[in-house]
Amino acid sequence: MQKITVALLSGGISSERDVSIKSGNEVFKALNKEKYEIIRYDPKTDLAKIVADHSKIDIALIIMHGKYGEDGTIQGLLDLLGIPYQGCGVLASAVAMDKLISKKLYECEGLEVPPYMVVNQHDYHFAQRSIRKLGLPVVLKPVKGGSSIGMDIVFSESDLSVALENAFQYDSQVILESYIKGVEVTCGILGNIDLTPLPIIEIVPGEDYRFFDYEAKYKPGATQEICPARIDDDLAKKVQEYAIKAHKALDCRGCSRTDMIIDNRTIYVLETNTIPGMTPTSLLPQAAQAAGYTFSQLLDRLIELGMQK
């Protein structure tokens, strides 16, 4: 059987470069070497090489997070070169990366989102008025970004200035969002046209963490991830339906993972990840394992869906 030539892209230049490299290393180890000829590229240094090699690449696996990887830019380059890839296209990738636009699309689909306001850089007075309107505490996050980088929870007005200064390092717009205290869950979706919701994972950050921040996401043992989530069947079905609705609202393909918070049986959609973490212990692979996929089989399925597109 002729091997499929896979371009494995990881690294890049975003603030999530280290996570991307780690994910790329794990994906490389898990890919079946009998089925795939794997060529590794780091878009930080290898864009010209990708262009030069494009005619021999059957499919690309984009294992990148943050700007210039998850936001449609690398997807656009691959489209120009005629290289198929797993996951979402340019538009869905860009929209999912923009928390403001994605919230508006969720709302159009009738999905609940936490009340929110948007603050532009240097508009500190509007930010003050916003937190008074939303009420404390508020969640503060850059409009474009991932891995909870630049995110914080503001419990008092005196904390606002420092939190904004940190968030504005990563984007010129920041979302202020009412803090919803509840059960945090995430639900993965696999498929292009026929969509399969995966088992739901409940996320419980350790006592040392106020929320599921960067360290809580990636430090071993920092967070308890419970699959299936400790919710009843009716609520679980509704969470999966919301994940499918969010996936469709953003025009996702291949896979996505949507994060939500449940408060008194009301489900609030937070955001959708178009390239979820890809180590064996990451959330999407954990959910896939609960559905019967090994990590290697999950990668096979993502490649298959990418080549179908």
C-alpha atoms as a PDB file:
ATOM      1  CA  MET A   1       0.000   0.000   0.000  1.00  0.00           C
ATOM      2  CA  GLN A   2       1.357   3.401  -0.977  1.00  0.00           C
ATOM      3  CA  LYS A   3       1.920   5.659   1.990  1.00  0.00           C
ATOM      4  CA  ILE A   4       0.060   8.961   2.380  1.00  0.00           C
ATOM      5  CA  THR A   5       2.461  11.896   2.616  1.00  0.00           C
ATOM      6  CA  VAL A   6       1.481  13.996   5.620  1.00  0.00           C
ATOM      7  CA  ALA A   7       2.883  17.464   6.252  1.00  0.00           C
ATOM      8  CA  LEU A   8       2.874  17.881  10.039  1.00  0.00           C
ATOM      9  CA  LEU A   9       2.803  21.596  10.851  1.00  0.00           C
ATOM     10  CA  SER A  10       3.545  22.711  14.402  1.00  0.00           C
ATOM     11  CA  GLY A  11       5.277  25.614  16.086  1.00  0.00           C
ATOM     12  CA  GLY A  12       4.626  28.956  14.421  1.00  0.00           C
ATOM     13  CA  ILE A  13       4.979  32.402  15.949  1.00  0.00           C
ATOM     14  CA  SER A  14       1.975  32.792  18.261  1.00  0.00           C
ATOM     15  CA  SER A  15       2.047  33.070  22.045  1.00  0.00           C
ATOM     16  CA  GLU A  16       1.013  29.390  22.043  1.00  0.00           C
ATOM     17  CA  ARG A  17       4.089  28.203  20.145  1.00  0.00           C
ATOM     18  CA  ASP A  18       5.360  25.957  22.956  1.00  0.00           C
ATOM     19  CA  VAL A  19       2.000  24.168  23.257  1.00  0.00           C
ATOM     20  CA  SER A  20       1.917  23.692  19.489  1.00  0.00           C
ATOM     21  CA  ILE A  21       5.380  22.127  19.437  1.00  0.00           C
ATOM     22  CA  LYS A  22       4.481  19.778  22.284  1.00  0.00           C
ATOM     23  CA  SER A  23       1.277  18.741  20.496  1.00  0.00           C
ATOM     24  CA  GLY A  24       3.184  18.254  17.250  1.00  0.00           C
ATOM     25  CA  ASN A  25       5.693  15.962  18.953  1.00  0.00           C
ATOM     26  CA  GLU A  26       2.906  13.820  20.405  1.00  0.00           C
ATOM     27  CA  VAL A  27       1.093  13.637  17.062  1.00  0.00           C
ATOM     28  CA  PHE A  28       4.292  12.576  15.314  1.00  0.00           C
ATOM     29  CA  LYS A  29       4.792   9.751  17.815  1.00  0.00           C
ATOM     30  CA  ALA A  30       1.190   8.563  17.443  1.00  0.00           C
ATOM     31  CA  LEU A  31       0.904   8.619  13.643  1.00  0.00           C
ATOM     32  CA  ASN A  32       1.097   5.181  12.062  1.00  0.00           C
ATOM     33  CA  LYS A  33       4.456   5.124  10.252  1.00  0.00           C
ATOM     34  CA  GLU A  34       3.320   2.191   8.123  1.00  0.00           C
ATOM     35  CA  LYS A  35       0.483   4.281   6.672  1.00  0.00           C
ATOM     36  CA  TYR A  36       2.067   7.728   6.519  1.00  0.00           C
ATOM     37  CA  GLU A  37       5.226   9.361   5.218  1.00  0.00           C
ATOM     38  CA  ILE A  38       5.556  12.278   7.620  1.00  0.00           C
ATOM     39  CA  ILE A  39       7.385  15.507   6.850  1.00  0.00           C
ATOM     40  CA  ARG A  40       7.617  18.009   9.698  1.00  0.00           C
ATOM     41  CA  TYR A  41       7.469  21.756   9.165  1.00  0.00           C
ATOM     42  CA  ASP A  42       7.634  24.711  11.542  1.00  0.00           C
ATOM     43  CA  PRO A  43       5.894  27.653   9.830  1.00  0.00           C
ATOM     44  CA  LYS A  44       8.132  30.036  11.783  1.00  0.00           C
ATOM     45  CA  THR A  45      11.036  28.998   9.548  1.00  0.00           C
ATOM     46  CA  ASP A  46       9.676  26.635   6.885  1.00  0.00           C
ATOM     47  CA  LEU A  47       7.039  28.503   4.859  1.00  0.00           C
ATOM     48  CA  ALA A  48       9.218  28.523   1.729  1.00  0.00           C
ATOM     49  CA  LYS A  49       9.879  24.801   2.155  1.00  0.00           C
ATOM     50  CA  ILE A  50       6.137  24.074   2.380  1.00  0.00           C
ATOM     51  CA  VAL A  51       5.619  25.966  -0.876  1.00  0.00           C
ATOM     52  CA  ALA A  52       8.503  24.133  -2.552  1.00  0.00           C
ATOM     53  CA  ASP A  53       7.246  20.731  -1.375  1.00  0.00           C
ATOM     54  CA  HIS A  54       3.539  21.280  -2.007  1.00  0.00           C
ATOM     55  CA  SER A  55       3.233  18.944  -5.004  1.00  0.00           C
ATOM     56  CA  LYS A  56       4.328  15.895  -2.987  1.00  0.00           C
ATOM     57  CA  ILE A  57       2.097  16.545   0.045  1.00  0.00           C
ATOM     58  CA  ASP A  58      -1.173  14.585   0.188  1.00  0.00           C
ATOM     59  CA  ILE A  59      -2.542  16.270   3.298  1.00  0.00           C
ATOM     60  CA  ALA A  60      -1.419  18.630   6.042  1.00  0.00           C
ATOM     61  CA  LEU A  61      -2.055  18.179   9.742  1.00  0.00           C
ATOM     62  CA  ILE A  62      -2.171  21.659  11.262  1.00  0.00           C
ATOM     63  CA  ILE A  63      -1.219  21.217  14.908  1.00  0.00           C
ATOM     64  CA  MET A  64      -0.960  24.909  15.708  1.00  0.00           C
ATOM     65  CA  HIS A  65      -2.687  27.162  18.214  1.00  0.00           C
ATOM     66  CA  GLY A  66      -3.277  30.899  18.332  1.00  0.00           C
ATOM     67  CA  LYS A  67      -2.650  33.525  15.670  1.00  0.00           C
ATOM     68  CA  TYR A  68      -1.167  32.526  12.329  1.00  0.00           C
ATOM     69  CA  GLY A  69      -2.118  28.890  12.874  1.00  0.00           C
ATOM     70  CA  GLU A  70      -5.627  28.588  14.218  1.00  0.00           C
ATOM     71  CA  ASP A  71      -7.031  31.789  12.719  1.00  0.00           C
ATOM     72  CA  GLY A  72      -7.271  30.880   9.021  1.00  0.00           C
ATOM     73  CA  THR A  73      -3.948  32.281   7.840  1.00  0.00           C
ATOM     74  CA  ILE A  74      -2.085  28.990   7.384  1.00  0.00           C
ATOM     75  CA  GLN A  75      -5.304  27.456   6.052  1.00  0.00           C
ATOM     76  CA  GLY A  76      -5.368  30.137   3.353  1.00  0.00           C
ATOM     77  CA  LEU A  77      -1.803  29.350   2.314  1.00  0.00           C
ATOM     78  CA  LEU A  78      -2.620  25.639   2.065  1.00  0.00           C
ATOM     79  CA  ASP A  79      -5.732  26.432   0.002  1.00  0.00           C
ATOM     80  CA  LEU A  80      -3.602  28.449  -2.418  1.00  0.00           C
ATOM     81  CA  LEU A  81      -1.186  25.538  -2.720  1.00  0.00           C
ATOM     82  CA  GLY A  82      -3.968  22.992  -3.193  1.00  0.00           C
ATOM     83  CA  ILE A  83      -3.019  21.024  -0.072  1.00  0.00           C
ATOM     84  CA  PRO A  84      -5.943  19.451   1.846  1.00  0.00           C
ATOM     85  CA  TYR A  85      -5.844  19.729   5.623  1.00  0.00           C
ATOM     86  CA  GLN A  86      -7.793  18.511   8.637  1.00  0.00           C
ATOM     87  CA  GLY A  87     -10.358  20.703  10.266  1.00  0.00           C
ATOM     88  CA  CYS A  88     -11.919  24.031   9.488  1.00  0.00           C
ATOM     89  CA  GLY A  89     -11.354  26.253   6.487  1.00  0.00           C
ATOM     90  CA  VAL A  90     -10.320  29.904   6.395  1.00  0.00           C
ATOM     91  CA  LEU A  91     -13.648  31.481   7.323  1.00  0.00           C
ATOM     92  CA  ALA A  92     -14.591  29.142  10.182  1.00  0.00           C
ATOM     93  CA  SER A  93     -11.055  29.284  11.583  1.00  0.00           C
ATOM     94  CA  ALA A  94     -11.035  33.097  11.561  1.00  0.00           C
ATOM     95  CA  VAL A  95     -14.534  33.409  13.007  1.00  0.00           C
ATOM     96  CA  ALA A  96     -13.932  30.913  15.828  1.00  0.00           C
ATOM     97  CA  MET A  97     -10.732  32.750  16.763  1.00  0.00           C
ATOM     98  CA  ASP A  98     -12.698  35.994  17.144  1.00  0.00           C
ATOM     99  CA  LYS A  99     -14.675  35.681  20.367  1.00  0.00           C
ATOM    100  CA  LEU A 100     -16.851  38.696  19.548  1.00  0.00           C
ATOM    101  CA  ILE A 101     -17.984  37.508  16.104  1.00  0.00           C
ATOM    102  CA  SER A 102     -18.473  33.937  17.319  1.00  0.00           C
ATOM    103  CA  LYS A 103     -20.661  35.167  20.200  1.00  0.00           C
ATOM    104  CA  LYS A 104     -22.848  37.056  17.753  1.00  0.00           C
ATOM    105  CA  LEU A 105     -23.230  33.931  15.620  1.00  0.00           C
ATOM    106  CA  TYR A 106     -24.070  31.828  18.665  1.00  0.00           C
ATOM    107  CA  GLU A 107     -26.766  34.334  19.589  1.00  0.00           C
ATOM    108  CA  CYS A 108     -28.182  34.185  16.039  1.00  0.00           C
ATOM    109  CA  GLU A 109     -28.590  30.417  16.531  1.00  0.00           C
ATOM    110  CA  GLY A 110     -30.448  30.929  19.801  1.00  0.00           C
ATOM    111  CA  LEU A 111     -27.558  29.771  21.997  1.00  0.00           C
ATOM    112  CA  GLU A 112     -27.135  31.401  25.400  1.00  0.00           C
ATOM    113  CA  VAL A 113     -23.907  33.319  26.026  1.00  0.00           C
ATOM    114  CA  PRO A 114     -22.886  35.200  29.180  1.00  0.00           C
ATOM    115  CA  PRO A 115     -23.726  38.942  29.047  1.00  0.00           C
ATOM    116  CA  TYR A 116     -20.710  40.791  27.637  1.00  0.00           C
ATOM    117  CA  MET A 117     -19.279  44.122  26.523  1.00  0.00           C
ATOM    118  CA  VAL A 118     -16.252  44.955  24.366  1.00  0.00           C
ATOM    119  CA  VAL A 119     -13.539  47.415  25.373  1.00  0.00           C
ATOM    120  CA  ASN A 120     -11.082  48.990  22.935  1.00  0.00           C
ATOM    121  CA  GLN A 121      -7.504  49.684  23.920  1.00  0.00           C
ATOM    122  CA  HIS A 122      -6.990  52.874  25.981  1.00  0.00           C
ATOM    123  CA  ASP A 123     -10.744  53.183  26.722  1.00  0.00           C
ATOM    124  CA  TYR A 124     -10.350  52.654  30.444  1.00  0.00           C
ATOM    125  CA  HIS A 125     -13.379  54.772  31.384  1.00  0.00           C
ATOM    126  CA  PHE A 126     -15.674  52.649  29.215  1.00  0.00           C
ATOM    127  CA  ALA A 127     -14.236  49.549  30.877  1.00  0.00           C
ATOM    128  CA  GLN A 128     -15.124  51.000  34.280  1.00  0.00           C
ATOM    129  CA  ARG A 129     -18.680  51.725  33.134  1.00  0.00           C
ATOM    130  CA  SER A 130     -18.893  48.214  31.646  1.00  0.00           C
ATOM    131  CA  ILE A 131     -18.043  46.386  34.857  1.00  0.00           C
ATOM    132  CA  ARG A 132     -20.560  48.523  36.752  1.00  0.00           C
ATOM    133  CA  LYS A 133     -23.216  47.535  34.220  1.00  0.00           C
ATOM    134  CA  LEU A 134     -22.263  43.838  34.109  1.00  0.00           C
ATOM    135  CA  GLY A 135     -21.613  43.589  37.834  1.00  0.00           C
ATOM    136  CA  LEU A 136     -18.587  42.051  39.525  1.00  0.00           C
ATOM    137  CA  PRO A 137     -16.919  39.684  39.118  1.00  0.00           C
ATOM    138  CA  VAL A 138     -16.297  39.801  35.371  1.00  0.00           C
ATOM    139  CA  VAL A 139     -14.203  37.590  33.124  1.00  0.00           C
ATOM    140  CA  LEU A 140     -11.761  39.530  31.001  1.00  0.00           C
ATOM    141  CA  LYS A 141     -10.210  38.035  27.854  1.00  0.00           C
ATOM    142  CA  PRO A 142      -8.589  39.193  24.600  1.00  0.00           C
ATOM    143  CA  VAL A 143     -11.021  39.010  21.665  1.00  0.00           C
ATOM    144  CA  LYS A 144      -8.560  36.926  19.660  1.00  0.00           C
ATOM    145  CA  GLY A 145      -6.471  34.298  21.407  1.00  0.00           C
ATOM    146  CA  GLY A 146      -6.480  30.914  23.057  1.00  0.00           C
ATOM    147  CA  SER A 147      -5.154  28.782  25.926  1.00  0.00           C
ATOM    148  CA  SER A 148      -6.569  31.402  28.344  1.00  0.00           C
ATOM    149  CA  ILE A 149      -3.537  33.616  27.653  1.00  0.00           C
ATOM    150  CA  GLY A 150      -4.294  37.174  28.758  1.00  0.00           C
ATOM    151  CA  MET A 151      -7.457  36.043  30.526  1.00  0.00           C
ATOM    152  CA  ASP A 152      -8.343  37.024  34.102  1.00  0.00           C
ATOM    153  CA  ILE A 153     -11.266  37.340  36.502  1.00  0.00           C
ATOM    154  CA  VAL A 154     -11.756  40.808  37.961  1.00  0.00           C
ATOM    155  CA  PHE A 155     -13.305  40.798  41.440  1.00  0.00           C
ATOM    156  CA  SER A 156     -12.898  44.489  42.262  1.00  0.00           C
ATOM    157  CA  GLU A 157     -12.644  47.698  40.273  1.00  0.00           C
ATOM    158  CA  SER A 158      -9.142  48.265  41.640  1.00  0.00           C
ATOM    159  CA  ASP A 159      -7.965  45.103  39.832  1.00  0.00           C
ATOM    160  CA  LEU A 160      -9.291  46.245  36.447  1.00  0.00           C
ATOM    161  CA  SER A 161      -6.348  48.358  35.262  1.00  0.00           C
ATOM    162  CA  VAL A 162      -3.700  45.634  35.681  1.00  0.00           C
ATOM    163  CA  ALA A 163      -5.925  42.967  34.119  1.00  0.00           C
ATOM    164  CA  LEU A 164      -6.646  45.194  31.095  1.00  0.00           C
ATOM    165  CA  GLU A 165      -2.971  46.061  30.663  1.00  0.00           C
ATOM    166  CA  ASN A 166      -2.103  42.365  30.571  1.00  0.00           C
ATOM    167  CA  ALA A 167      -4.914  41.468  28.134  1.00  0.00           C
ATOM    168  CA  PHE A 168      -4.059  44.330  25.767  1.00  0.00           C
ATOM    169  CA  GLN A 169      -0.611  42.811  25.261  1.00  0.00           C
ATOM    170  CA  TYR A 170      -2.348  40.173  23.131  1.00  0.00           C
ATOM    171  CA  ASP A 171      -5.082  42.116  21.335  1.00  0.00           C
ATOM    172  CA  SER A 172      -6.410  45.649  20.859  1.00  0.00           C
ATOM    173  CA  GLN A 173      -9.897  44.579  21.949  1.00  0.00           C
ATOM    174  CA  VAL A 174     -10.939  42.861  25.161  1.00  0.00           C
ATOM    175  CA  ILE A 175     -14.230  41.219  26.086  1.00  0.00           C
ATOM    176  CA  LEU A 176     -15.689  41.753  29.546  1.00  0.00           C
ATOM    177  CA  GLU A 177     -18.084  38.929  30.335  1.00  0.00           C
ATOM    178  CA  SER A 178     -20.343  38.305  33.317  1.00  0.00           C
ATOM    179  CA  TYR A 179     -18.831  35.630  35.528  1.00  0.00           C
ATOM    180  CA  ILE A 180     -21.011  32.521  35.527  1.00  0.00           C
ATOM    181  CA  LYS A 181     -20.368  30.183  38.442  1.00  0.00           C
ATOM    182  CA  GLY A 182     -21.349  26.675  37.452  1.00  0.00           C
ATOM    183  CA  VAL A 183     -20.188  23.370  36.011  1.00  0.00           C
ATOM    184  CA  GLU A 184     -17.665  23.833  33.202  1.00  0.00           C
ATOM    185  CA  VAL A 185     -17.936  21.252  30.428  1.00  0.00           C
ATOM    186  CA  THR A 186     -16.593  20.749  26.928  1.00  0.00           C
ATOM    187  CA  CYS A 187     -17.939  18.716  24.034  1.00  0.00           C
ATOM    188  CA  GLY A 188     -16.062  17.631  20.911  1.00  0.00           C
ATOM    189  CA  ILE A 189     -17.589  17.093  17.476  1.00  0.00           C
ATOM    190  CA  LEU A 190     -16.223  14.914  14.672  1.00  0.00           C
ATOM    191  CA  GLY A 191     -17.430  15.027  11.061  1.00  0.00           C
ATOM    192  CA  ASN A 192     -17.882  17.105   7.945  1.00  0.00           C
ATOM    193  CA  ILE A 193     -21.560  16.700   7.049  1.00  0.00           C
ATOM    194  CA  ASP A 194     -22.632  13.861   9.358  1.00  0.00           C
ATOM    195  CA  LEU A 195     -21.650  15.092  12.815  1.00  0.00           C
ATOM    196  CA  THR A 196     -20.825  12.871  15.790  1.00  0.00           C
ATOM    197  CA  PRO A 197     -20.800  14.446  19.276  1.00  0.00           C
ATOM    198  CA  LEU A 198     -18.217  12.902  21.591  1.00  0.00           C
ATOM    199  CA  PRO A 199     -18.702  12.168  25.298  1.00  0.00           C
ATOM    200  CA  ILE A 200     -18.776  15.313  27.434  1.00  0.00           C
ATOM    201  CA  ILE A 201     -15.877  16.181  29.726  1.00  0.00           C
ATOM    202  CA  GLU A 202     -16.354  18.068  32.998  1.00  0.00           C
ATOM    203  CA  ILE A 203     -13.476  20.398  33.876  1.00  0.00           C
ATOM    204  CA  VAL A 204     -12.646  20.970  37.548  1.00  0.00           C
ATOM    205  CA  PRO A 205      -9.569  23.198  38.098  1.00  0.00           C
ATOM    206  CA  GLY A 206      -7.594  22.511  41.264  1.00  0.00           C
ATOM    207  CA  GLU A 207      -8.080  24.585  44.407  1.00  0.00           C
ATOM    208  CA  ASP A 208      -5.013  26.674  43.552  1.00  0.00           C
ATOM    209  CA  TYR A 209      -6.656  27.996  40.369  1.00  0.00           C
ATOM    210  CA  ARG A 210      -9.478  30.525  40.085  1.00  0.00           C
ATOM    211  CA  PHE A 211     -10.308  29.280  36.595  1.00  0.00           C
ATOM    212  CA  PHE A 212      -9.056  26.989  33.813  1.00  0.00           C
ATOM    213  CA  ASP A 213      -6.036  29.191  33.043  1.00  0.00           C
ATOM    214  CA  TYR A 214      -2.887  28.384  31.052  1.00  0.00           C
ATOM    215  CA  GLU A 215      -1.164  26.546  33.890  1.00  0.00           C
ATOM    216  CA  ALA A 216      -4.337  24.697  34.882  1.00  0.00           C
ATOM    217  CA  LYS A 217      -4.673  23.548  31.271  1.00  0.00           C
ATOM    218  CA  TYR A 218      -1.155  22.238  30.794  1.00  0.00           C
ATOM    219  CA  LYS A 219       0.360  21.417  34.188  1.00  0.00           C
ATOM    220  CA  PRO A 220      -0.074  17.687  34.880  1.00  0.00           C
ATOM    221  CA  GLY A 221      -2.482  17.095  37.735  1.00  0.00           C
ATOM    222  CA  ALA A 222      -3.573  20.741  37.996  1.00  0.00           C
ATOM    223  CA  THR A 223      -7.087  20.033  36.759  1.00  0.00           C
ATOM    224  CA  GLN A 224      -9.495  17.145  37.180  1.00  0.00           C
ATOM    225  CA  GLU A 225     -11.061  16.184  33.856  1.00  0.00           C
ATOM    226  CA  ILE A 226     -14.030  13.873  34.312  1.00  0.00           C
ATOM    227  CA  CYS A 227     -15.410  11.910  31.361  1.00  0.00           C
ATOM    228  CA  PRO A 228     -18.290  11.408  31.101  1.00  0.00           C
ATOM    229  CA  ALA A 229     -19.338  14.599  32.889  1.00  0.00           C
ATOM    230  CA  ARG A 230     -21.375  14.233  36.080  1.00  0.00           C
ATOM    231  CA  ILE A 231     -24.623  15.529  34.595  1.00  0.00           C
ATOM    232  CA  ASP A 232     -27.884  13.734  33.898  1.00  0.00           C
ATOM    233  CA  ASP A 233     -28.706  12.242  30.510  1.00  0.00           C
ATOM    234  CA  ASP A 234     -31.191  14.952  29.475  1.00  0.00           C
ATOM    235  CA  LEU A 235     -28.708  17.713  30.229  1.00  0.00           C
ATOM    236  CA  ALA A 236     -25.897  15.799  28.503  1.00  0.00           C
ATOM    237  CA  LYS A 237     -28.023  15.454  25.375  1.00  0.00           C
ATOM    238  CA  LYS A 238     -28.687  19.200  25.410  1.00  0.00           C
ATOM    239  CA  VAL A 239     -24.947  19.960  25.807  1.00  0.00           C
ATOM    240  CA  GLN A 240     -24.189  17.786  22.768  1.00  0.00           C
ATOM    241  CA  GLU A 241     -26.948  19.524  20.795  1.00  0.00           C
ATOM    242  CA  TYR A 242     -25.442  22.904  21.707  1.00  0.00           C
ATOM    243  CA  ALA A 243     -22.004  21.714  20.602  1.00  0.00           C
ATOM    244  CA  ILE A 244     -23.432  20.689  17.224  1.00  0.00           C
ATOM    245  CA  LYS A 245     -25.267  24.025  16.911  1.00  0.00           C
ATOM    246  CA  ALA A 246     -22.079  25.948  17.717  1.00  0.00           C
ATOM    247  CA  HIS A 247     -20.108  23.829  15.213  1.00  0.00           C
ATOM    248  CA  LYS A 248     -22.666  24.590  12.506  1.00  0.00           C
ATOM    249  CA  ALA A 249     -23.001  28.273  13.436  1.00  0.00           C
ATOM    250  CA  LEU A 250     -19.304  28.795  12.728  1.00  0.00           C
ATOM    251  CA  ASP A 251     -19.363  26.526   9.632  1.00  0.00           C
ATOM    252  CA  CYS A 252     -16.796  24.170  11.155  1.00  0.00           C
ATOM    253  CA  ARG A 253     -15.543  21.037   9.403  1.00  0.00           C
ATOM    254  CA  GLY A 254     -13.651  17.974  10.570  1.00  0.00           C
ATOM    255  CA  CYS A 255     -13.634  18.637  14.288  1.00  0.00           C
ATOM    256  CA  SER A 256     -14.309  21.240  16.922  1.00  0.00           C
ATOM    257  CA  ARG A 257     -14.556  21.419  20.683  1.00  0.00           C
ATOM    258  CA  THR A 258     -16.989  23.823  22.331  1.00  0.00           C
ATOM    259  CA  ASP A 259     -16.602  24.981  25.937  1.00  0.00           C
ATOM    260  CA  MET A 260     -19.705  25.707  28.022  1.00  0.00           C
ATOM    261  CA  ILE A 261     -20.773  26.471  31.589  1.00  0.00           C
ATOM    262  CA  ILE A 262     -23.940  25.059  33.136  1.00  0.00           C
ATOM    263  CA  ASP A 263     -25.666  27.154  35.793  1.00  0.00           C
ATOM    264  CA  ASN A 264     -28.945  25.834  37.204  1.00  0.00           C
ATOM    265  CA  ARG A 265     -29.543  23.820  33.996  1.00  0.00           C
ATOM    266  CA  THR A 266     -28.966  26.871  31.768  1.00  0.00           C
ATOM    267  CA  ILE A 267     -26.129  26.187  29.327  1.00  0.00           C
ATOM    268  CA  TYR A 268     -23.916  29.134  28.378  1.00  0.00           C
ATOM    269  CA  VAL A 269     -21.652  28.730  25.343  1.00  0.00           C
ATOM    270  CA  LEU A 270     -18.183  30.237  25.901  1.00  0.00           C
ATOM    271  CA  GLU A 271     -16.126  29.502  22.787  1.00  0.00           C
ATOM    272  CA  THR A 272     -15.326  26.931  20.107  1.00  0.00           C
ATOM    273  CA  ASN A 273     -11.848  25.546  19.454  1.00  0.00           C
ATOM    274  CA  THR A 274     -11.183  24.554  15.838  1.00  0.00           C
ATOM    275  CA  ILE A 275      -7.766  23.003  16.561  1.00  0.00           C
ATOM    276  CA  PRO A 276      -8.072  21.580  20.077  1.00  0.00           C
ATOM    277  CA  GLY A 277      -5.008  20.433  21.986  1.00  0.00           C
ATOM    278  CA  MET A 278      -3.511  17.302  20.470  1.00  0.00           C
ATOM    279  CA  THR A 279      -1.633  15.320  23.066  1.00  0.00           C
ATOM    280  CA  PRO A 280      -2.973  11.948  24.282  1.00  0.00           C
ATOM    281  CA  THR A 281      -4.187  13.629  27.494  1.00  0.00           C
ATOM    282  CA  SER A 282      -5.749  16.682  25.811  1.00  0.00           C
ATOM    283  CA  LEU A 283      -9.496  17.100  26.072  1.00  0.00           C
ATOM    284  CA  LEU A 284     -10.543  16.078  22.557  1.00  0.00           C
ATOM    285  CA  PRO A 285      -8.370  12.917  22.519  1.00  0.00           C
ATOM    286  CA  GLN A 286      -9.706  12.029  25.985  1.00  0.00           C
ATOM    287  CA  ALA A 287     -13.283  12.324  24.742  1.00  0.00           C
ATOM    288  CA  ALA A 288     -12.431  10.359  21.602  1.00  0.00           C
ATOM    289  CA  GLN A 289     -10.888   7.613  23.742  1.00  0.00           C
ATOM    290  CA  ALA A 290     -14.120   7.403  25.737  1.00  0.00           C
ATOM    291  CA  ALA A 291     -15.908   6.969  22.396  1.00  0.00           C
ATOM    292  CA  GLY A 292     -13.588   4.091  21.450  1.00  0.00           C
ATOM    293  CA  TYR A 293     -10.826   5.813  19.462  1.00  0.00           C
ATOM    294  CA  THR A 294      -7.168   5.412  20.344  1.00  0.00           C
ATOM    295  CA  PHE A 295      -5.109   8.569  19.803  1.00  0.00           C
ATOM    296  CA  SER A 296      -3.686   7.054  16.617  1.00  0.00           C
ATOM    297  CA  GLN A 297      -7.181   6.189  15.365  1.00  0.00           C
ATOM    298  CA  LEU A 298      -8.389   9.729  16.091  1.00  0.00           C
ATOM    299  CA  LEU A 299      -5.584  11.097  13.921  1.00  0.00           C
ATOM    300  CA  ASP A 300      -6.531   8.597  11.187  1.00  0.00           C
ATOM    301  CA  ARG A 301     -10.096   9.878  11.334  1.00  0.00           C
ATOM    302  CA  LEU A 302      -9.043  13.541  11.146  1.00  0.00           C
ATOM    303  CA  ILE A 303      -6.866  12.779   8.113  1.00  0.00           C
ATOM    304  CA  GLU A 304      -9.721  10.876   6.488  1.00  0.00           C
ATOM    305  CA  LEU A 305     -12.133  13.788   7.063  1.00  0.00           C
ATOM    306  CA  GLY A 306      -9.560  16.264   5.722  1.00  0.00           C
ATOM    307  CA  MET A 307      -9.065  14.278   2.540  1.00  0.00           C
ATOM    308  CA  GLN A 308     -12.842  13.993   2.076  1.00  0.00           C
ATOM    309  CA  LYS A 309     -13.119  17.781   1.938  1.00  0.00           C
END
